[in-house]
Amino acid sequence: REAHSLESWRVFAKEQAVAGVTHSLIIGGEPALFPERVEAFVDAMEFVTISSNGLRRFPREGFENVAVALTLFGGGPLDDELRAVRPSGRTFSGLFDTVLDNYRDDPRAHFIYAITPDGIEHIEPTVERIRDNGNRVTFNYYSPYGSEAPANAREREERLLDEALRVREAHPETVVVTPLYLRTIVTGRTHWTEWGYDVCP
């Protein structure tokens, strides 16, 4: 059940800090709707990150050191297709534009861009918009839930990886991720192990 008592949030954050936790990542629902809950962690820990859909501007005053991780799926029109759904189930458009407006030149804001083989052509234009907005970006990987891998999955994966690496090289001040990380999230392989659909990297 949702904890409504702010005191319970404060107690929990302090307990975690005493136990040695130094960084909180606040996700689920929309943390930007509840800055007073985030404040409990700001008071207890040095490092606080919220994961946000970006539809609401998170206050700056009192939260200057809170990292704001902004979700982005697919790039271009795919972002609206994959994320622009209200709790009622109704869809809308212009989500990425709204997020850019809310976090223009905000040094706390960082896009977590889930790239996908279906949106290869959107990667560089999306990164350029993020750059022009005064933000930075890290790539993640989007795979549709419950879908079988297409027959040409390895080829699509290679094309996606090639484009992600190219865009990273072309925009090193904006795309803050290493080539090894990119290879790992796109292929699901490292020098040490592999994972598949059942494991969240």
N, C-alpha and C. Protein backbone atom coordinates (compact mmCIF):
# COMPACT_ATOMS: atom_id res chain seq x y z
N ARG A 1 0.84 -1.20 0.00
CA ARG A 1 0.00 0.00 0.00
C ARG A 1 0.87 1.24 0.00
N GLU A 2 0.34 2.29 -0.58
CA GLU A 2 1.06 3.55 -0.64
C GLU A 2 1.21 4.15 0.75
N ALA A 3 2.41 4.60 1.05
CA ALA A 3 2.66 5.26 2.34
C ALA A 3 2.37 6.75 2.19
N HIS A 4 1.34 7.23 2.83
CA HIS A 4 0.94 8.64 2.71
C HIS A 4 1.60 9.53 3.75
N SER A 5 2.05 8.97 4.83
CA SER A 5 2.63 9.76 5.91
C SER A 5 4.04 10.21 5.53
N LEU A 6 4.23 11.53 5.49
CA LEU A 6 5.56 12.05 5.18
C LEU A 6 6.58 11.63 6.23
N GLU A 7 6.13 11.52 7.47
CA GLU A 7 7.04 11.09 8.53
C GLU A 7 7.56 9.68 8.25
N SER A 8 6.71 8.81 7.72
CA SER A 8 7.16 7.45 7.41
C SER A 8 8.21 7.48 6.29
N TRP A 9 8.08 8.39 5.35
CA TRP A 9 9.09 8.54 4.30
C TRP A 9 10.41 9.02 4.91
N ARG A 10 10.32 9.99 5.82
CA ARG A 10 11.54 10.51 6.45
C ARG A 10 12.25 9.42 7.26
N VAL A 11 11.47 8.67 8.03
CA VAL A 11 12.04 7.61 8.85
C VAL A 11 12.72 6.56 7.97
N PHE A 12 12.04 6.16 6.89
CA PHE A 12 12.60 5.15 5.99
C PHE A 12 13.91 5.64 5.37
N ALA A 13 13.93 6.87 4.86
CA ALA A 13 15.15 7.41 4.24
C ALA A 13 16.30 7.46 5.24
N LYS A 14 16.01 7.88 6.47
CA LYS A 14 17.06 7.95 7.49
C LYS A 14 17.56 6.55 7.85
N GLU A 15 16.65 5.59 7.96
CA GLU A 15 17.05 4.21 8.25
C GLU A 15 18.00 3.68 7.18
N GLN A 16 17.68 3.98 5.93
CA GLN A 16 18.53 3.51 4.82
C GLN A 16 19.91 4.16 4.89
N ALA A 17 19.94 5.45 5.18
CA ALA A 17 21.22 6.17 5.28
C ALA A 17 22.07 5.60 6.41
N VAL A 18 21.45 5.34 7.54
CA VAL A 18 22.17 4.76 8.69
C VAL A 18 22.71 3.37 8.34
N ALA A 19 21.97 2.65 7.51
CA ALA A 19 22.40 1.31 7.10
C ALA A 19 23.53 1.35 6.06
N GLY A 20 23.88 2.55 5.59
CA GLY A 20 24.98 2.68 4.65
C GLY A 20 24.59 2.99 3.23
N VAL A 21 23.31 3.13 2.97
CA VAL A 21 22.86 3.48 1.61
C VAL A 21 23.24 4.94 1.35
N THR A 22 23.91 5.20 0.23
CA THR A 22 24.38 6.56 -0.07
C THR A 22 23.66 7.20 -1.24
N HIS A 23 22.89 6.41 -2.01
CA HIS A 23 22.24 6.93 -3.21
C HIS A 23 20.86 6.32 -3.34
N SER A 24 19.85 7.17 -3.47
CA SER A 24 18.50 6.65 -3.69
C SER A 24 18.09 6.93 -5.12
N LEU A 25 17.45 5.94 -5.74
CA LEU A 25 16.85 6.08 -7.06
C LEU A 25 15.36 5.91 -6.86
N ILE A 26 14.62 6.98 -7.06
CA ILE A 26 13.19 6.97 -6.77
C ILE A 26 12.43 6.83 -8.09
N ILE A 27 11.74 5.70 -8.23
CA ILE A 27 11.03 5.37 -9.46
C ILE A 27 9.62 4.91 -9.13
N GLY A 28 8.85 4.69 -10.15
CA GLY A 28 7.51 4.13 -9.97
C GLY A 28 6.48 5.22 -9.80
N GLY A 29 5.37 5.10 -10.47
CA GLY A 29 4.45 6.22 -10.46
C GLY A 29 5.16 7.40 -11.09
N GLU A 30 5.09 8.53 -10.47
CA GLU A 30 5.79 9.72 -10.98
C GLU A 30 6.30 10.53 -9.81
N PRO A 31 7.59 10.42 -9.48
CA PRO A 31 8.14 11.14 -8.33
C PRO A 31 7.97 12.65 -8.40
N ALA A 32 7.91 13.21 -9.62
CA ALA A 32 7.75 14.66 -9.75
C ALA A 32 6.42 15.14 -9.18
N LEU A 33 5.47 14.25 -8.99
CA LEU A 33 4.19 14.62 -8.38
C LEU A 33 4.29 14.76 -6.87
N PHE A 34 5.38 14.24 -6.28
CA PHE A 34 5.50 14.20 -4.82
C PHE A 34 6.85 14.73 -4.35
N PRO A 35 7.16 16.00 -4.61
CA PRO A 35 8.47 16.51 -4.20
C PRO A 35 8.72 16.41 -2.70
N GLU A 36 7.67 16.47 -1.90
CA GLU A 36 7.87 16.38 -0.45
C GLU A 36 8.37 15.00 -0.04
N ARG A 37 8.02 13.97 -0.79
CA ARG A 37 8.55 12.64 -0.51
C ARG A 37 10.01 12.54 -0.93
N VAL A 38 10.33 13.15 -2.07
CA VAL A 38 11.71 13.17 -2.52
C VAL A 38 12.58 13.93 -1.52
N GLU A 39 12.02 14.97 -0.94
CA GLU A 39 12.74 15.78 0.03
C GLU A 39 13.22 14.95 1.22
N ALA A 40 12.45 13.94 1.59
CA ALA A 40 12.87 13.07 2.70
C ALA A 40 14.21 12.42 2.39
N PHE A 41 14.43 12.05 1.13
CA PHE A 41 15.69 11.43 0.74
C PHE A 41 16.79 12.47 0.59
N VAL A 42 16.44 13.65 0.10
CA VAL A 42 17.42 14.73 -0.03
C VAL A 42 17.98 15.09 1.34
N ASP A 43 17.13 15.09 2.36
CA ASP A 43 17.58 15.41 3.72
C ASP A 43 18.46 14.32 4.31
N ALA A 44 18.31 13.08 3.83
CA ALA A 44 19.02 11.95 4.43
C ALA A 44 20.27 11.52 3.67
N MET A 45 20.31 11.78 2.35
CA MET A 45 21.40 11.24 1.52
C MET A 45 21.98 12.31 0.62
N GLU A 46 23.25 12.11 0.28
CA GLU A 46 23.91 13.08 -0.61
C GLU A 46 23.46 12.92 -2.06
N PHE A 47 23.21 11.68 -2.50
CA PHE A 47 22.91 11.42 -3.90
C PHE A 47 21.47 10.93 -4.04
N VAL A 48 20.70 11.68 -4.83
CA VAL A 48 19.30 11.32 -5.06
C VAL A 48 19.00 11.48 -6.55
N THR A 49 18.38 10.46 -7.13
CA THR A 49 17.95 10.50 -8.52
C THR A 49 16.47 10.16 -8.57
N ILE A 50 15.72 10.92 -9.37
CA ILE A 50 14.34 10.51 -9.64
C ILE A 50 14.25 10.11 -11.10
N SER A 51 13.42 9.12 -11.37
CA SER A 51 13.12 8.71 -12.74
C SER A 51 11.76 9.28 -13.08
N SER A 52 11.70 10.07 -14.16
CA SER A 52 10.48 10.81 -14.46
C SER A 52 10.09 10.67 -15.93
N ASN A 53 8.78 10.75 -16.18
CA ASN A 53 8.34 10.81 -17.57
C ASN A 53 8.49 12.22 -18.12
N GLY A 54 8.77 13.21 -17.26
CA GLY A 54 9.06 14.57 -17.69
C GLY A 54 7.87 15.44 -17.97
N LEU A 55 6.67 14.93 -17.80
CA LEU A 55 5.48 15.73 -18.09
C LEU A 55 5.30 16.88 -17.12
N ARG A 56 5.87 16.75 -15.95
CA ARG A 56 5.78 17.81 -14.95
C ARG A 56 7.21 18.27 -14.62
N ARG A 57 7.39 19.56 -14.54
CA ARG A 57 8.69 20.12 -14.20
C ARG A 57 8.94 19.89 -12.70
N PHE A 58 10.07 19.28 -12.38
CA PHE A 58 10.41 19.05 -10.98
C PHE A 58 11.02 20.33 -10.43
N PRO A 59 10.60 20.77 -9.24
CA PRO A 59 11.10 22.04 -8.70
C PRO A 59 12.63 22.07 -8.59
N ARG A 60 13.20 23.24 -8.78
CA ARG A 60 14.66 23.38 -8.64
C ARG A 60 15.03 23.76 -7.22
N GLU A 61 14.28 24.69 -6.64
CA GLU A 61 14.63 25.19 -5.31
C GLU A 61 14.54 24.07 -4.28
N GLY A 62 15.66 23.84 -3.61
CA GLY A 62 15.74 22.78 -2.62
C GLY A 62 16.12 21.43 -3.21
N PHE A 63 16.09 21.35 -4.56
CA PHE A 63 16.40 20.08 -5.23
C PHE A 63 17.49 20.29 -6.28
N GLU A 64 18.39 21.23 -6.01
CA GLU A 64 19.43 21.59 -6.97
C GLU A 64 20.34 20.42 -7.30
N ASN A 65 20.54 19.50 -6.35
CA ASN A 65 21.46 18.39 -6.53
C ASN A 65 20.76 17.06 -6.84
N VAL A 66 19.47 17.11 -7.08
CA VAL A 66 18.73 15.90 -7.44
C VAL A 66 18.89 15.65 -8.94
N ALA A 67 19.38 14.48 -9.30
CA ALA A 67 19.48 14.11 -10.71
C ALA A 67 18.09 13.70 -11.20
N VAL A 68 17.72 14.20 -12.38
CA VAL A 68 16.42 13.89 -12.95
C VAL A 68 16.64 13.06 -14.21
N ALA A 69 16.32 11.77 -14.14
CA ALA A 69 16.46 10.85 -15.27
C ALA A 69 15.16 10.84 -16.05
N LEU A 70 15.19 11.32 -17.28
CA LEU A 70 14.00 11.48 -18.10
C LEU A 70 13.87 10.33 -19.08
N THR A 71 12.76 9.64 -19.04
CA THR A 71 12.52 8.49 -19.90
C THR A 71 12.21 8.92 -21.33
N LEU A 72 12.76 8.19 -22.28
CA LEU A 72 12.50 8.44 -23.70
C LEU A 72 12.58 7.10 -24.42
N PHE A 73 11.53 6.74 -25.17
CA PHE A 73 11.49 5.45 -25.86
C PHE A 73 11.47 5.65 -27.37
N GLY A 74 12.40 5.02 -28.07
CA GLY A 74 12.33 4.94 -29.52
C GLY A 74 12.77 6.17 -30.29
N GLY A 75 12.51 7.35 -29.77
CA GLY A 75 12.82 8.58 -30.48
C GLY A 75 11.78 8.91 -31.54
N GLY A 76 11.78 10.16 -31.98
CA GLY A 76 10.83 10.59 -33.01
C GLY A 76 9.40 10.27 -32.62
N PRO A 77 8.57 9.88 -33.58
CA PRO A 77 7.16 9.58 -33.29
C PRO A 77 6.96 8.33 -32.44
N LEU A 78 7.99 7.48 -32.36
CA LEU A 78 7.85 6.26 -31.55
C LEU A 78 7.65 6.57 -30.08
N ASP A 79 8.20 7.68 -29.60
CA ASP A 79 8.05 8.00 -28.18
C ASP A 79 6.58 8.16 -27.81
N ASP A 80 5.84 8.88 -28.64
CA ASP A 80 4.39 9.01 -28.37
C ASP A 80 3.69 7.66 -28.47
N GLU A 81 4.05 6.86 -29.47
CA GLU A 81 3.41 5.56 -29.64
C GLU A 81 3.63 4.66 -28.42
N LEU A 82 4.84 4.71 -27.86
CA LEU A 82 5.21 3.78 -26.80
C LEU A 82 4.92 4.30 -25.39
N ARG A 83 4.84 5.63 -25.22
CA ARG A 83 4.72 6.16 -23.85
C ARG A 83 3.57 7.12 -23.62
N ALA A 84 3.05 7.76 -24.65
CA ALA A 84 2.07 8.82 -24.45
C ALA A 84 0.67 8.25 -24.24
N VAL A 85 0.52 7.63 -23.07
CA VAL A 85 -0.75 7.02 -22.69
C VAL A 85 -1.10 7.49 -21.29
N ARG A 86 -2.25 8.10 -21.14
CA ARG A 86 -2.70 8.57 -19.83
C ARG A 86 -3.15 7.39 -18.97
N PRO A 87 -3.23 7.57 -17.64
CA PRO A 87 -3.72 6.48 -16.78
C PRO A 87 -5.09 5.95 -17.21
N SER A 88 -5.88 6.80 -17.86
CA SER A 88 -7.20 6.38 -18.34
C SER A 88 -7.11 5.48 -19.57
N GLY A 89 -5.91 5.42 -20.18
CA GLY A 89 -5.73 4.65 -21.39
C GLY A 89 -5.78 5.49 -22.66
N ARG A 90 -6.20 6.74 -22.52
CA ARG A 90 -6.25 7.64 -23.68
C ARG A 90 -4.84 8.04 -24.09
N THR A 91 -4.63 8.12 -25.39
CA THR A 91 -3.32 8.51 -25.89
C THR A 91 -3.28 10.01 -26.15
N PHE A 92 -2.08 10.55 -26.25
CA PHE A 92 -1.90 11.96 -26.58
C PHE A 92 -0.63 12.09 -27.39
N SER A 93 -0.30 13.28 -27.82
CA SER A 93 0.90 13.47 -28.63
C SER A 93 1.70 14.65 -28.09
N GLY A 94 2.96 14.72 -28.52
CA GLY A 94 3.82 15.82 -28.12
C GLY A 94 4.54 15.62 -26.80
N LEU A 95 4.67 14.39 -26.37
CA LEU A 95 5.30 14.12 -25.07
C LEU A 95 6.75 14.61 -25.03
N PHE A 96 7.54 14.27 -26.03
CA PHE A 96 8.96 14.66 -26.04
C PHE A 96 9.10 16.19 -26.07
N ASP A 97 8.25 16.86 -26.84
CA ASP A 97 8.28 18.33 -26.89
C ASP A 97 8.02 18.92 -25.50
N THR A 98 7.05 18.36 -24.80
CA THR A 98 6.72 18.83 -23.46
C THR A 98 7.90 18.64 -22.51
N VAL A 99 8.52 17.47 -22.58
CA VAL A 99 9.66 17.18 -21.71
C VAL A 99 10.81 18.15 -21.99
N LEU A 100 11.08 18.38 -23.27
CA LEU A 100 12.14 19.33 -23.61
C LEU A 100 11.84 20.71 -23.05
N ASP A 101 10.60 21.16 -23.18
CA ASP A 101 10.22 22.48 -22.63
C ASP A 101 10.41 22.52 -21.12
N ASN A 102 10.03 21.46 -20.44
CA ASN A 102 10.11 21.43 -18.98
C ASN A 102 11.54 21.42 -18.45
N TYR A 103 12.48 20.89 -19.24
CA TYR A 103 13.84 20.71 -18.72
C TYR A 103 14.91 21.39 -19.58
N ARG A 104 14.51 22.43 -20.30
CA ARG A 104 15.48 23.17 -21.12
C ARG A 104 16.58 23.76 -20.24
N ASP A 105 17.84 23.47 -20.60
CA ASP A 105 19.02 23.99 -19.90
C ASP A 105 19.03 23.67 -18.41
N ASP A 106 18.40 22.59 -18.02
CA ASP A 106 18.39 22.16 -16.62
C ASP A 106 19.56 21.20 -16.42
N PRO A 107 20.59 21.59 -15.68
CA PRO A 107 21.78 20.73 -15.54
C PRO A 107 21.50 19.43 -14.79
N ARG A 108 20.38 19.35 -14.10
CA ARG A 108 20.04 18.12 -13.38
C ARG A 108 19.50 17.04 -14.31
N ALA A 109 18.96 17.47 -15.46
CA ALA A 109 18.21 16.57 -16.34
C ALA A 109 19.13 15.78 -17.26
N HIS A 110 18.80 14.50 -17.39
CA HIS A 110 19.57 13.59 -18.22
C HIS A 110 18.57 12.61 -18.85
N PHE A 111 18.56 12.51 -20.16
CA PHE A 111 17.63 11.59 -20.83
C PHE A 111 18.17 10.17 -20.81
N ILE A 112 17.30 9.23 -20.51
CA ILE A 112 17.60 7.81 -20.61
C ILE A 112 16.82 7.33 -21.83
N TYR A 113 17.50 7.27 -22.95
CA TYR A 113 16.89 7.05 -24.27
C TYR A 113 16.97 5.57 -24.62
N ALA A 114 15.81 4.89 -24.61
CA ALA A 114 15.75 3.48 -24.96
C ALA A 114 15.66 3.36 -26.48
N ILE A 115 16.80 3.05 -27.09
CA ILE A 115 16.85 2.92 -28.54
C ILE A 115 16.30 1.57 -28.95
N THR A 116 15.86 1.47 -30.20
CA THR A 116 15.26 0.24 -30.70
C THR A 116 15.56 0.09 -32.18
N PRO A 117 15.66 -1.14 -32.67
CA PRO A 117 15.89 -1.32 -34.11
C PRO A 117 14.80 -0.68 -34.97
N ASP A 118 13.62 -0.51 -34.43
CA ASP A 118 12.53 0.12 -35.20
C ASP A 118 12.68 1.62 -35.31
N GLY A 119 13.64 2.20 -34.60
CA GLY A 119 13.79 3.65 -34.62
C GLY A 119 15.19 4.13 -34.92
N ILE A 120 15.94 3.34 -35.70
CA ILE A 120 17.33 3.69 -35.99
C ILE A 120 17.42 5.09 -36.60
N GLU A 121 16.52 5.40 -37.52
CA GLU A 121 16.59 6.70 -38.20
C GLU A 121 16.28 7.88 -37.29
N HIS A 122 15.74 7.60 -36.11
CA HIS A 122 15.38 8.68 -35.18
C HIS A 122 16.51 9.01 -34.19
N ILE A 123 17.53 8.17 -34.12
CA ILE A 123 18.52 8.33 -33.06
C ILE A 123 19.25 9.67 -33.15
N GLU A 124 19.88 9.96 -34.28
CA GLU A 124 20.66 11.20 -34.35
C GLU A 124 19.79 12.46 -34.24
N PRO A 125 18.65 12.56 -34.95
CA PRO A 125 17.82 13.76 -34.77
C PRO A 125 17.35 13.95 -33.33
N THR A 126 17.07 12.85 -32.63
CA THR A 126 16.63 12.95 -31.24
C THR A 126 17.78 13.43 -30.35
N VAL A 127 18.97 12.89 -30.57
CA VAL A 127 20.15 13.32 -29.80
C VAL A 127 20.43 14.80 -30.07
N GLU A 128 20.29 15.23 -31.30
CA GLU A 128 20.54 16.64 -31.63
C GLU A 128 19.54 17.56 -30.92
N ARG A 129 18.30 17.13 -30.81
CA ARG A 129 17.30 17.94 -30.09
C ARG A 129 17.64 18.01 -28.60
N ILE A 130 18.11 16.91 -28.05
CA ILE A 130 18.53 16.89 -26.64
C ILE A 130 19.72 17.83 -26.45
N ARG A 131 20.69 17.74 -27.34
CA ARG A 131 21.86 18.63 -27.29
C ARG A 131 21.45 20.09 -27.36
N ASP A 132 20.59 20.42 -28.32
CA ASP A 132 20.16 21.80 -28.51
C ASP A 132 19.33 22.31 -27.34
N ASN A 133 18.80 21.39 -26.55
CA ASN A 133 17.99 21.74 -25.38
C ASN A 133 18.86 21.94 -24.13
N GLY A 134 20.17 21.67 -24.27
CA GLY A 134 21.07 21.85 -23.13
C GLY A 134 21.11 20.67 -22.18
N ASN A 135 20.80 19.47 -22.68
CA ASN A 135 20.79 18.28 -21.84
C ASN A 135 21.77 17.24 -22.39
N ARG A 136 21.92 16.16 -21.64
CA ARG A 136 22.74 15.03 -22.06
C ARG A 136 21.87 13.78 -22.10
N VAL A 137 22.46 12.70 -22.65
CA VAL A 137 21.67 11.48 -22.85
C VAL A 137 22.54 10.25 -22.67
N THR A 138 21.92 9.21 -22.13
CA THR A 138 22.49 7.88 -22.05
C THR A 138 21.56 6.96 -22.83
N PHE A 139 22.12 6.02 -23.57
CA PHE A 139 21.28 5.06 -24.29
C PHE A 139 20.94 3.87 -23.40
N ASN A 140 19.75 3.38 -23.61
CA ASN A 140 19.26 2.15 -23.03
C ASN A 140 18.72 1.35 -24.20
N TYR A 141 18.08 0.21 -23.94
CA TYR A 141 17.59 -0.62 -25.04
C TYR A 141 16.12 -0.93 -24.82
N TYR A 142 15.32 -0.76 -25.88
CA TYR A 142 13.89 -1.06 -25.79
C TYR A 142 13.59 -2.31 -26.61
N SER A 143 12.95 -3.26 -25.96
CA SER A 143 12.46 -4.46 -26.63
C SER A 143 10.99 -4.61 -26.25
N PRO A 144 10.11 -4.77 -27.23
CA PRO A 144 8.68 -4.87 -26.90
C PRO A 144 8.39 -6.06 -25.99
N TYR A 145 7.51 -5.86 -25.05
CA TYR A 145 7.12 -6.93 -24.14
C TYR A 145 6.38 -8.03 -24.89
N GLY A 146 6.70 -9.27 -24.55
CA GLY A 146 5.93 -10.40 -25.05
C GLY A 146 6.05 -10.66 -26.53
N SER A 147 7.09 -10.15 -27.19
CA SER A 147 7.21 -10.38 -28.62
C SER A 147 8.38 -11.32 -28.90
N GLU A 148 8.23 -12.10 -29.94
CA GLU A 148 9.30 -12.98 -30.37
C GLU A 148 10.34 -12.18 -31.14
N ALA A 149 11.60 -12.55 -31.03
CA ALA A 149 12.64 -11.89 -31.80
C ALA A 149 12.43 -12.18 -33.29
N PRO A 150 12.53 -11.16 -34.15
CA PRO A 150 12.37 -11.41 -35.59
C PRO A 150 13.50 -12.29 -36.12
N ALA A 151 13.26 -12.87 -37.28
CA ALA A 151 14.24 -13.78 -37.87
C ALA A 151 15.58 -13.09 -38.10
N ASN A 152 15.55 -11.80 -38.42
CA ASN A 152 16.78 -11.08 -38.71
C ASN A 152 17.24 -10.27 -37.50
N ALA A 153 16.99 -10.78 -36.30
CA ALA A 153 17.28 -10.04 -35.07
C ALA A 153 18.76 -9.65 -34.97
N ARG A 154 19.66 -10.55 -35.29
CA ARG A 154 21.09 -10.26 -35.16
C ARG A 154 21.51 -9.14 -36.12
N GLU A 155 20.98 -9.17 -37.33
CA GLU A 155 21.29 -8.12 -38.31
C GLU A 155 20.75 -6.76 -37.85
N ARG A 156 19.51 -6.76 -37.34
CA ARG A 156 18.91 -5.51 -36.83
C ARG A 156 19.70 -4.98 -35.64
N GLU A 157 20.13 -5.89 -34.79
CA GLU A 157 20.93 -5.53 -33.62
C GLU A 157 22.25 -4.89 -34.04
N GLU A 158 22.89 -5.46 -35.05
CA GLU A 158 24.16 -4.91 -35.53
C GLU A 158 23.97 -3.52 -36.13
N ARG A 159 22.90 -3.32 -36.90
CA ARG A 159 22.63 -2.00 -37.48
C ARG A 159 22.36 -0.97 -36.38
N LEU A 160 21.61 -1.38 -35.36
CA LEU A 160 21.33 -0.48 -34.24
C LEU A 160 22.61 -0.11 -33.51
N LEU A 161 23.44 -1.09 -33.24
CA LEU A 161 24.69 -0.85 -32.54
C LEU A 161 25.60 0.06 -33.36
N ASP A 162 25.71 -0.19 -34.65
CA ASP A 162 26.55 0.64 -35.51
C ASP A 162 26.09 2.10 -35.46
N GLU A 163 24.79 2.32 -35.54
CA GLU A 163 24.28 3.70 -35.53
C GLU A 163 24.47 4.35 -34.16
N ALA A 164 24.23 3.61 -33.11
CA ALA A 164 24.42 4.16 -31.76
C ALA A 164 25.88 4.56 -31.53
N LEU A 165 26.79 3.72 -31.97
CA LEU A 165 28.22 4.03 -31.83
C LEU A 165 28.60 5.24 -32.68
N ARG A 166 28.06 5.32 -33.89
CA ARG A 166 28.35 6.45 -34.77
C ARG A 166 27.84 7.76 -34.16
N VAL A 167 26.62 7.74 -33.63
CA VAL A 167 26.04 8.95 -33.04
C VAL A 167 26.81 9.34 -31.78
N ARG A 168 27.22 8.37 -31.01
CA ARG A 168 28.03 8.67 -29.81
C ARG A 168 29.33 9.36 -30.21
N GLU A 169 29.96 8.86 -31.25
CA GLU A 169 31.22 9.44 -31.73
C GLU A 169 31.00 10.86 -32.26
N ALA A 170 29.88 11.08 -32.92
CA ALA A 170 29.59 12.40 -33.50
C ALA A 170 29.17 13.42 -32.46
N HIS A 171 28.67 12.97 -31.31
CA HIS A 171 28.14 13.87 -30.28
C HIS A 171 28.67 13.48 -28.89
N PRO A 172 30.00 13.50 -28.70
CA PRO A 172 30.57 13.00 -27.45
C PRO A 172 30.24 13.84 -26.22
N GLU A 173 29.89 15.10 -26.39
CA GLU A 173 29.53 15.94 -25.24
C GLU A 173 28.09 15.71 -24.80
N THR A 174 27.29 15.13 -25.68
CA THR A 174 25.87 14.91 -25.40
C THR A 174 25.59 13.47 -25.00
N VAL A 175 26.18 12.52 -25.74
CA VAL A 175 25.96 11.10 -25.47
C VAL A 175 27.05 10.64 -24.51
N VAL A 176 26.69 10.45 -23.26
CA VAL A 176 27.67 10.11 -22.23
C VAL A 176 27.54 8.63 -21.86
N VAL A 177 28.08 7.80 -22.74
CA VAL A 177 28.06 6.36 -22.55
C VAL A 177 29.26 5.79 -23.29
N THR A 178 29.82 4.72 -22.78
CA THR A 178 31.01 4.13 -23.40
C THR A 178 30.61 3.13 -24.50
N PRO A 179 31.52 2.89 -25.44
CA PRO A 179 31.24 1.87 -26.47
C PRO A 179 30.98 0.49 -25.86
N LEU A 180 31.72 0.12 -24.83
CA LEU A 180 31.50 -1.18 -24.20
C LEU A 180 30.09 -1.28 -23.63
N TYR A 181 29.64 -0.21 -22.97
CA TYR A 181 28.28 -0.21 -22.44
C TYR A 181 27.27 -0.38 -23.56
N LEU A 182 27.45 0.36 -24.66
CA LEU A 182 26.52 0.26 -25.79
C LEU A 182 26.47 -1.16 -26.34
N ARG A 183 27.64 -1.75 -26.54
CA ARG A 183 27.66 -3.13 -27.05
C ARG A 183 26.93 -4.07 -26.10
N THR A 184 27.12 -3.85 -24.83
CA THR A 184 26.51 -4.72 -23.83
C THR A 184 24.99 -4.61 -23.83
N ILE A 185 24.46 -3.38 -23.83
CA ILE A 185 23.00 -3.27 -23.74
C ILE A 185 22.29 -3.68 -25.02
N VAL A 186 22.96 -3.52 -26.16
CA VAL A 186 22.31 -3.88 -27.43
C VAL A 186 22.39 -5.38 -27.69
N THR A 187 23.54 -5.99 -27.39
CA THR A 187 23.73 -7.41 -27.70
C THR A 187 23.34 -8.35 -26.56
N GLY A 188 23.33 -7.83 -25.32
CA GLY A 188 23.08 -8.70 -24.18
C GLY A 188 24.27 -9.57 -23.83
N ARG A 189 25.45 -9.15 -24.30
CA ARG A 189 26.64 -9.96 -24.06
C ARG A 189 27.77 -9.09 -23.52
N THR A 190 28.54 -9.67 -22.61
CA THR A 190 29.78 -9.07 -22.14
C THR A 190 30.86 -10.13 -22.28
N HIS A 191 32.06 -9.81 -21.81
CA HIS A 191 33.14 -10.80 -21.82
C HIS A 191 32.83 -11.95 -20.86
N TRP A 192 31.94 -11.70 -19.89
CA TRP A 192 31.73 -12.65 -18.81
C TRP A 192 30.44 -13.44 -18.89
N THR A 193 29.42 -12.87 -19.51
CA THR A 193 28.13 -13.54 -19.45
C THR A 193 27.22 -13.06 -20.57
N GLU A 194 26.07 -13.71 -20.68
CA GLU A 194 25.01 -13.29 -21.59
C GLU A 194 23.72 -13.30 -20.80
N TRP A 195 22.74 -12.52 -21.27
CA TRP A 195 21.41 -12.59 -20.67
C TRP A 195 20.39 -12.45 -21.79
N GLY A 196 19.16 -12.76 -21.44
CA GLY A 196 18.09 -12.68 -22.41
C GLY A 196 16.90 -11.92 -21.86
N TYR A 197 15.74 -12.25 -22.40
CA TYR A 197 14.51 -11.52 -22.08
C TYR A 197 14.17 -11.59 -20.60
N ASP A 198 14.56 -12.68 -19.94
CA ASP A 198 14.16 -12.89 -18.54
C ASP A 198 14.99 -12.08 -17.55
N VAL A 199 15.99 -11.38 -18.00
CA VAL A 199 16.87 -10.63 -17.10
C VAL A 199 16.92 -9.16 -17.52
N CYS A 200 16.70 -8.25 -16.58
CA CYS A 200 16.79 -6.82 -16.88
C CYS A 200 18.23 -6.38 -16.72
N PRO A 201 18.89 -5.92 -17.78
CA PRO A 201 20.30 -5.54 -17.67
C PRO A 201 20.49 -4.32 -16.77
